[in-house]
Amino acid sequence: MNEYERGDRVAVLYLSKTNGTCLAYNRTVIDVEPHEKHGQRIWVNMPADAASGSPHDFFANDHEGIWPMEDEPIEEQLPVRLAANLDWYIEAAAPSSSRLTWPSGRGHLPVRVSFTEKARALHARMAWLYMDQLRVADPRAFEEWVARYKPLSASQ
């Protein structure tokens, strides 16, 4: 069973109002509390189209649709997971990057907290690792990933 903490990045299986069953990457654990039967009860910020609304709660030991984003070694991650982690690290390494936190818990509004320069540097190094691994693991997926970013860099 995975142990979750506030702020963890997770992937969640959820029911979309428009697209049926979906998998969302890079969601944030808002809150966690012990649960006698299920180990932990975990609240996660959900995509806007989630039928359950946000936050939604999951149980840690039921394997009911929640996984840490980096629960597998980088060399064993599928290309889609590599690309999702790469996207997150690139965004987190950008100047003025920030993350959502819920300092007052799940019943309150989130607050944006800027990453420190040290954290941004670490995120940049991780982005390079993920970029290299995606290139090695699936050259076609890597080229598709690069193509998604070319229009962004050309317009800036």
C-alpha atoms as a PDB file:
ATOM      1  CA  MET A   1       0.000   0.000   0.000  1.00  0.00           C
ATOM      2  CA  ASN A   2       1.253   3.469  -0.848  1.00  0.00           C
ATOM      3  CA  GLU A   3       1.470   6.066   1.899  1.00  0.00           C
ATOM      4  CA  TYR A   4       0.229   9.453   0.723  1.00  0.00           C
ATOM      5  CA  GLU A   5       1.019  12.918   2.058  1.00  0.00           C
ATOM      6  CA  ARG A   6      -0.454  16.359   1.404  1.00  0.00           C
ATOM      7  CA  GLY A   7       1.049  17.808  -1.759  1.00  0.00           C
ATOM      8  CA  ASP A   8       1.843  14.472  -3.443  1.00  0.00           C
ATOM      9  CA  ARG A   9       1.330  14.294  -7.194  1.00  0.00           C
ATOM     10  CA  VAL A  10      -0.968  11.455  -8.219  1.00  0.00           C
ATOM     11  CA  ALA A  11      -2.755   9.935 -11.187  1.00  0.00           C
ATOM     12  CA  VAL A  12      -6.459   9.255 -10.698  1.00  0.00           C
ATOM     13  CA  LEU A  13      -9.051   7.242 -12.533  1.00  0.00           C
ATOM     14  CA  TYR A  14     -12.306   9.175 -12.586  1.00  0.00           C
ATOM     15  CA  LEU A  15     -15.675   9.530 -14.280  1.00  0.00           C
ATOM     16  CA  SER A  16     -15.835  12.522 -16.614  1.00  0.00           C
ATOM     17  CA  LYS A  17     -19.174  14.259 -17.190  1.00  0.00           C
ATOM     18  CA  THR A  18     -18.492  14.272 -20.933  1.00  0.00           C
ATOM     19  CA  ASN A  19     -15.957  11.537 -21.735  1.00  0.00           C
ATOM     20  CA  GLY A  20     -16.771   8.575 -19.478  1.00  0.00           C
ATOM     21  CA  THR A  21     -13.921   6.920 -17.606  1.00  0.00           C
ATOM     22  CA  CYS A  22     -10.704   8.956 -17.779  1.00  0.00           C
ATOM     23  CA  LEU A  23      -7.227   8.974 -16.281  1.00  0.00           C
ATOM     24  CA  ALA A  24      -5.883  12.316 -15.057  1.00  0.00           C
ATOM     25  CA  TYR A  25      -2.211  12.865 -14.329  1.00  0.00           C
ATOM     26  CA  ASN A  26      -0.518  15.356 -12.010  1.00  0.00           C
ATOM     27  CA  ARG A  27      -3.396  15.871  -9.598  1.00  0.00           C
ATOM     28  CA  THR A  28      -2.559  17.058  -6.064  1.00  0.00           C
ATOM     29  CA  VAL A  29      -3.302  15.334  -2.769  1.00  0.00           C
ATOM     30  CA  ILE A  30      -5.155  17.977  -0.772  1.00  0.00           C
ATOM     31  CA  ASP A  31      -5.601  16.135   2.488  1.00  0.00           C
ATOM     32  CA  VAL A  32      -5.003  12.735   4.084  1.00  0.00           C
ATOM     33  CA  GLU A  33      -6.329  11.109   7.212  1.00  0.00           C
ATOM     34  CA  PRO A  34      -5.876   7.664   8.709  1.00  0.00           C
ATOM     35  CA  HIS A  35      -8.653   5.178   8.056  1.00  0.00           C
ATOM     36  CA  GLU A  36      -8.975   2.042  10.160  1.00  0.00           C
ATOM     37  CA  LYS A  37     -10.254  -0.238   7.399  1.00  0.00           C
ATOM     38  CA  HIS A  38      -8.586   1.275   4.329  1.00  0.00           C
ATOM     39  CA  GLY A  39      -5.265   2.584   5.676  1.00  0.00           C
ATOM     40  CA  GLN A  40      -5.786   6.155   4.499  1.00  0.00           C
ATOM     41  CA  ARG A  41      -8.517   8.333   3.111  1.00  0.00           C
ATOM     42  CA  ILE A  42      -7.092  10.700   0.500  1.00  0.00           C
ATOM     43  CA  TRP A  43      -8.685  13.839  -0.980  1.00  0.00           C
ATOM     44  CA  VAL A  44      -7.496  14.921  -4.420  1.00  0.00           C
ATOM     45  CA  ASN A  45      -8.167  17.978  -6.554  1.00  0.00           C
ATOM     46  CA  MET A  46     -10.034  16.714  -9.584  1.00  0.00           C
ATOM     47  CA  PRO A  47     -10.318  17.909 -13.189  1.00  0.00           C
ATOM     48  CA  ALA A  48     -13.125  20.378 -13.911  1.00  0.00           C
ATOM     49  CA  ASP A  49     -15.136  17.729 -15.784  1.00  0.00           C
ATOM     50  CA  ALA A  50     -15.154  15.198 -12.914  1.00  0.00           C
ATOM     51  CA  ALA A  51     -18.661  13.911 -12.217  1.00  0.00           C
ATOM     52  CA  SER A  52     -17.800  13.599  -8.516  1.00  0.00           C
ATOM     53  CA  GLY A  53     -16.706  17.219  -8.153  1.00  0.00           C
ATOM     54  CA  SER A  54     -13.557  18.345  -6.405  1.00  0.00           C
ATOM     55  CA  PRO A  55     -12.078  17.388  -4.065  1.00  0.00           C
ATOM     56  CA  HIS A  56     -12.842  13.697  -4.354  1.00  0.00           C
ATOM     57  CA  ASP A  57     -11.833  11.092  -1.801  1.00  0.00           C
ATOM     58  CA  PHE A  58     -10.081   7.772  -2.399  1.00  0.00           C
ATOM     59  CA  PHE A  59      -8.981   4.956  -0.104  1.00  0.00           C
ATOM     60  CA  ALA A  60      -5.303   3.993  -0.193  1.00  0.00           C
ATOM     61  CA  ASN A  61      -5.532   0.223   0.027  1.00  0.00           C
ATOM     62  CA  ASP A  62      -8.506  -0.362  -2.264  1.00  0.00           C
ATOM     63  CA  HIS A  63      -6.523   0.342  -5.449  1.00  0.00           C
ATOM     64  CA  GLU A  64      -9.658   2.116  -6.565  1.00  0.00           C
ATOM     65  CA  GLY A  65      -8.040   4.520  -8.936  1.00  0.00           C
ATOM     66  CA  ILE A  66      -5.186   6.465  -7.369  1.00  0.00           C
ATOM     67  CA  TRP A  67      -1.437   6.053  -7.929  1.00  0.00           C
ATOM     68  CA  PRO A  68       1.623   8.178  -7.159  1.00  0.00           C
ATOM     69  CA  MET A  69       2.988   9.792 -10.314  1.00  0.00           C
ATOM     70  CA  GLU A  70       6.436   8.391  -9.644  1.00  0.00           C
ATOM     71  CA  ASP A  71       5.601   5.048  -8.048  1.00  0.00           C
ATOM     72  CA  GLU A  72       7.732   3.207 -10.596  1.00  0.00           C
ATOM     73  CA  PRO A  73      11.396   3.750 -11.393  1.00  0.00           C
ATOM     74  CA  ILE A  74      11.802   6.140 -14.323  1.00  0.00           C
ATOM     75  CA  GLU A  75      13.175   3.326 -16.509  1.00  0.00           C
ATOM     76  CA  GLU A  76       9.944   1.311 -16.047  1.00  0.00           C
ATOM     77  CA  GLN A  77       7.402   4.083 -16.655  1.00  0.00           C
ATOM     78  CA  LEU A  78       5.280   3.903 -19.782  1.00  0.00           C
ATOM     79  CA  PRO A  79       5.776   6.707 -22.321  1.00  0.00           C
ATOM     80  CA  VAL A  80       2.467   8.375 -21.428  1.00  0.00           C
ATOM     81  CA  ARG A  81       3.517   8.562 -17.754  1.00  0.00           C
ATOM     82  CA  LEU A  82       7.012   9.756 -18.718  1.00  0.00           C
ATOM     83  CA  ALA A  83       5.472  12.551 -20.812  1.00  0.00           C
ATOM     84  CA  ALA A  84       3.090  13.557 -18.002  1.00  0.00           C
ATOM     85  CA  ASN A  85       5.952  13.727 -15.491  1.00  0.00           C
ATOM     86  CA  LEU A  86       8.088  15.610 -18.010  1.00  0.00           C
ATOM     87  CA  ASP A  87       5.316  18.168 -18.556  1.00  0.00           C
ATOM     88  CA  TRP A  88       5.009  18.722 -14.812  1.00  0.00           C
ATOM     89  CA  TYR A  89       8.754  19.158 -14.279  1.00  0.00           C
ATOM     90  CA  ILE A  90       9.076  21.592 -17.190  1.00  0.00           C
ATOM     91  CA  GLU A  91       6.216  23.694 -15.859  1.00  0.00           C
ATOM     92  CA  ALA A  92       7.650  23.562 -12.317  1.00  0.00           C
ATOM     93  CA  ALA A  93      11.113  24.618 -13.545  1.00  0.00           C
ATOM     94  CA  ALA A  94       9.821  27.712 -15.363  1.00  0.00           C
ATOM     95  CA  PRO A  95      10.518  31.195 -13.972  1.00  0.00           C
ATOM     96  CA  SER A  96       7.786  32.301 -11.557  1.00  0.00           C
ATOM     97  CA  SER A  97       6.406  28.743 -11.368  1.00  0.00           C
ATOM     98  CA  SER A  98       4.155  27.859  -8.459  1.00  0.00           C
ATOM     99  CA  ARG A  99       1.988  25.097  -7.100  1.00  0.00           C
ATOM    100  CA  LEU A 100      -1.405  24.910  -5.454  1.00  0.00           C
ATOM    101  CA  THR A 101      -1.533  24.118  -1.751  1.00  0.00           C
ATOM    102  CA  TRP A 102      -4.391  23.799   0.686  1.00  0.00           C
ATOM    103  CA  PRO A 103      -2.882  25.121   3.941  1.00  0.00           C
ATOM    104  CA  SER A 104      -6.268  25.225   5.664  1.00  0.00           C
ATOM    105  CA  GLY A 105      -7.377  21.788   4.436  1.00  0.00           C
ATOM    106  CA  ARG A 106      -9.820  20.416   1.919  1.00  0.00           C
ATOM    107  CA  GLY A 107     -12.771  22.611   2.915  1.00  0.00           C
ATOM    108  CA  HIS A 108     -10.945  25.822   2.039  1.00  0.00           C
ATOM    109  CA  LEU A 109      -9.660  27.564  -1.058  1.00  0.00           C
ATOM    110  CA  PRO A 110      -6.219  26.706  -2.407  1.00  0.00           C
ATOM    111  CA  VAL A 111      -3.283  29.090  -2.277  1.00  0.00           C
ATOM    112  CA  ARG A 112      -0.534  29.421  -4.900  1.00  0.00           C
ATOM    113  CA  VAL A 113       2.971  29.081  -3.501  1.00  0.00           C
ATOM    114  CA  SER A 114       5.997  29.918  -5.643  1.00  0.00           C
ATOM    115  CA  PHE A 115       8.749  27.362  -6.039  1.00  0.00           C
ATOM    116  CA  THR A 116      12.138  28.463  -4.749  1.00  0.00           C
ATOM    117  CA  GLU A 117      15.016  28.890  -7.188  1.00  0.00           C
ATOM    118  CA  LYS A 118      16.620  25.793  -5.668  1.00  0.00           C
ATOM    119  CA  ALA A 119      13.436  23.776  -6.285  1.00  0.00           C
ATOM    120  CA  ARG A 120      13.193  25.105  -9.860  1.00  0.00           C
ATOM    121  CA  ALA A 121      16.771  23.994 -10.512  1.00  0.00           C
ATOM    122  CA  LEU A 122      15.980  20.517  -9.200  1.00  0.00           C
ATOM    123  CA  HIS A 123      12.835  20.379 -11.349  1.00  0.00           C
ATOM    124  CA  ALA A 124      14.895  21.379 -14.398  1.00  0.00           C
ATOM    125  CA  ARG A 125      17.347  18.523 -13.757  1.00  0.00           C
ATOM    126  CA  MET A 126      14.440  16.095 -13.387  1.00  0.00           C
ATOM    127  CA  ALA A 127      12.920  17.386 -16.638  1.00  0.00           C
ATOM    128  CA  TRP A 128      16.189  16.553 -18.441  1.00  0.00           C
ATOM    129  CA  LEU A 129      16.119  13.035 -16.973  1.00  0.00           C
ATOM    130  CA  TYR A 130      12.518  12.496 -18.069  1.00  0.00           C
ATOM    131  CA  MET A 131      13.191  13.985 -21.500  1.00  0.00           C
ATOM    132  CA  ASP A 132      16.139  11.670 -22.040  1.00  0.00           C
ATOM    133  CA  GLN A 133      14.218   8.622 -20.799  1.00  0.00           C
ATOM    134  CA  LEU A 134      11.237   9.369 -23.041  1.00  0.00           C
ATOM    135  CA  ARG A 135      13.580   9.761 -26.022  1.00  0.00           C
ATOM    136  CA  VAL A 136      15.179   6.376 -25.278  1.00  0.00           C
ATOM    137  CA  ALA A 137      11.990   4.505 -24.317  1.00  0.00           C
ATOM    138  CA  ASP A 138       9.850   5.643 -27.249  1.00  0.00           C
ATOM    139  CA  PRO A 139      11.447   7.871 -29.910  1.00  0.00           C
ATOM    140  CA  ARG A 140       8.084   8.389 -31.650  1.00  0.00           C
ATOM    141  CA  ALA A 141       6.387   9.517 -28.422  1.00  0.00           C
ATOM    142  CA  PHE A 142       9.343  11.825 -27.809  1.00  0.00           C
ATOM    143  CA  GLU A 143       8.978  13.388 -31.277  1.00  0.00           C
ATOM    144  CA  GLU A 144       5.253  13.872 -30.688  1.00  0.00           C
ATOM    145  CA  TRP A 145       6.029  15.490 -27.338  1.00  0.00           C
ATOM    146  CA  VAL A 146       8.570  17.837 -28.999  1.00  0.00           C
ATOM    147  CA  ALA A 147       6.029  18.740 -31.701  1.00  0.00           C
ATOM    148  CA  ARG A 148       3.530  19.819 -29.021  1.00  0.00           C
ATOM    149  CA  TYR A 149       6.097  22.294 -27.627  1.00  0.00           C
ATOM    150  CA  LYS A 150       7.360  23.749 -30.921  1.00  0.00           C
ATOM    151  CA  PRO A 151       4.319  25.991 -31.494  1.00  0.00           C
ATOM    152  CA  LEU A 152       4.641  27.290 -27.925  1.00  0.00           C
ATOM    153  CA  SER A 153       8.278  28.265 -28.295  1.00  0.00           C
ATOM    154  CA  ALA A 154       7.737  29.815 -31.746  1.00  0.00           C
ATOM    155  CA  SER A 155       4.976  32.114 -30.456  1.00  0.00           C
ATOM    156  CA  GLN A 156       6.977  33.447 -27.494  1.00  0.00           C
END
